[in-house]
Structure formats: C-alpha cells, structure tokens
Amino acid sequence: MEPIKPYKAKFDYSYTLGAFPTYELLNTRPENVRCVFADPGYTDMNKLEKLCGKAGVKLFKDEKTIRRLSDKENVYVIGVFNKYDTVLDNTKSHIMLVNPGNMGNTGTIIRTAAAFGITDLAIITPGTDHFNPKTVRSSMGSVFHMNIECFEDFADYEKRFITGSGRIPYAFMLTAEKQLTVSDCPKPELYTLIFGNEATGLPEDYKEKAEPIFIPQSDMVDSLNITIAAGIGMYMFNSERI
C-alpha cells in the first residue's frame, strides 16, 4: 500500500483523527474504509481489532504514520476512508450553511444536527470541506451519519427542494424583524434552517429567498457564535420531534 499523505481536498480519500471518530467510521461506513492505523501503545487495542475484523479492514500498528498525519499528541488511531457522495432526503428537514469558513464550526454543527436527529446538510459553496480531517474530528464522527450535499448557489437547492414542495426555508439574520421565541417558534412539517458565514452572516437578499428570523439577544454582544445560533435554532424547531 502506498504511504498515506497529509490531507489535501483534491484527494479521493481522507482520514479520521482519533479513536472515537474511527469507531463511528467502522460502524457506519465500513465499505468505505481502506485501512486503520493504531499506535502500538493504544490502550483499547482489543476493541479496535474486533471492529476492524468485523468490518474486514486491515489494521496496521504504526506510530510513525500517525505522527506524520496528525499534529495532535492525543491521537492514537487513524482510519483512512474513500470519499463518497450522498444526496439530501427530500422528505426530511434540512440545515443549510452558506459559505461556511471554519472547519471546526462545521464539524460542531454536524455533530449538533445529528444529536437532534437532523441528518441532512446542504452547503452552499465555496465553503469548508466536510471531509477534511479537522471537520471529521470536530464532528466526532457524526459526519458519517449525515447526508451532505454541496450546491453552487441557493437557486440550485431551491429548484430541487423548495419549489412546489411545501418546505419552508428560514434565514437566520440579525436584520430580521421576526424573533425566534419558545412560545412562537414555527412548526412546519418540513423546513430548512439557513445560517451564513461566521464573519459576514447571510447576504441581505436571503430575506427574499427565505423567511428571515433572528434569535433575540442582549446588546452586550454583536452576535452569537454560529455553532450556538445553529444549536438554538435546531433545538427550537425540532424539540417536539426528538
């Protein structure tokens, strides 16, 4: 097998950094796993060997490869997997990230969505790479439970999932007039919650593309962190369905 190289977006493979996301990979996407590397001193080697055996995946005890691929001292397991395509489920509610710029935030939002049972994420490009190992790690492997699809623009998504479907899109914007409150949260059968870039938010024209809504906050901060805003939005819209 050729040596695994430090990740680049153009590669047809990526890898997990850490034991837990690797377990999620082995349990949910075993058909996509190329191999697994483990530090010979990894303390739960028996569990890892059983999972790899069940998935039919080769396990290499190779500290050198792990140190070469990870700059984190607490990484003892890495799973290498082939990238794969998924499509959004038109019968389920979606989250949309418009030009996300931070891989850690994207991964955290993926993890939060999975916690609330939301399994479909649309990304409007350009944006973060959901297969980047940093995104995979921050999602704690939840990325492997998700349908994630990228779109060049909102119109591309709109044609497939909104027009004529009854789905209602909600754009989270500080300049919106309608507040999101516990007592007055919309409860449509199908929805798409739209969040903008961490630095710039959503462009103003999203007021015409979706129902603009905002989370009320004090004047002591200019805005909520996107992961917090997304978590509040997902909980409010989905609390009765968890």
Foldseek 3Di string as FASTA:
>chain_A
DDQDAADDPPDQKEKAFADQLVLLCLVQPLVFWAAKEFAPPDPPVVVVVVSCVVSVHHYHHDPVSNVRHDPDPPTGMMIMGGDDAFDFDLQAAEEEEEAAEDLLLLLLLLLLCVVLVNAEYEYADPHDDCRHNNNSVSVSNSVSRHHYYYDPDVVVVCVPHPVPSQEAEEFEDPPADAEDDLVDHDAGSYYYYYWYYQPPIDPPCVVVVHPYYYYDDDPPDPDDGRSVRSSVVSCSHRVVPD
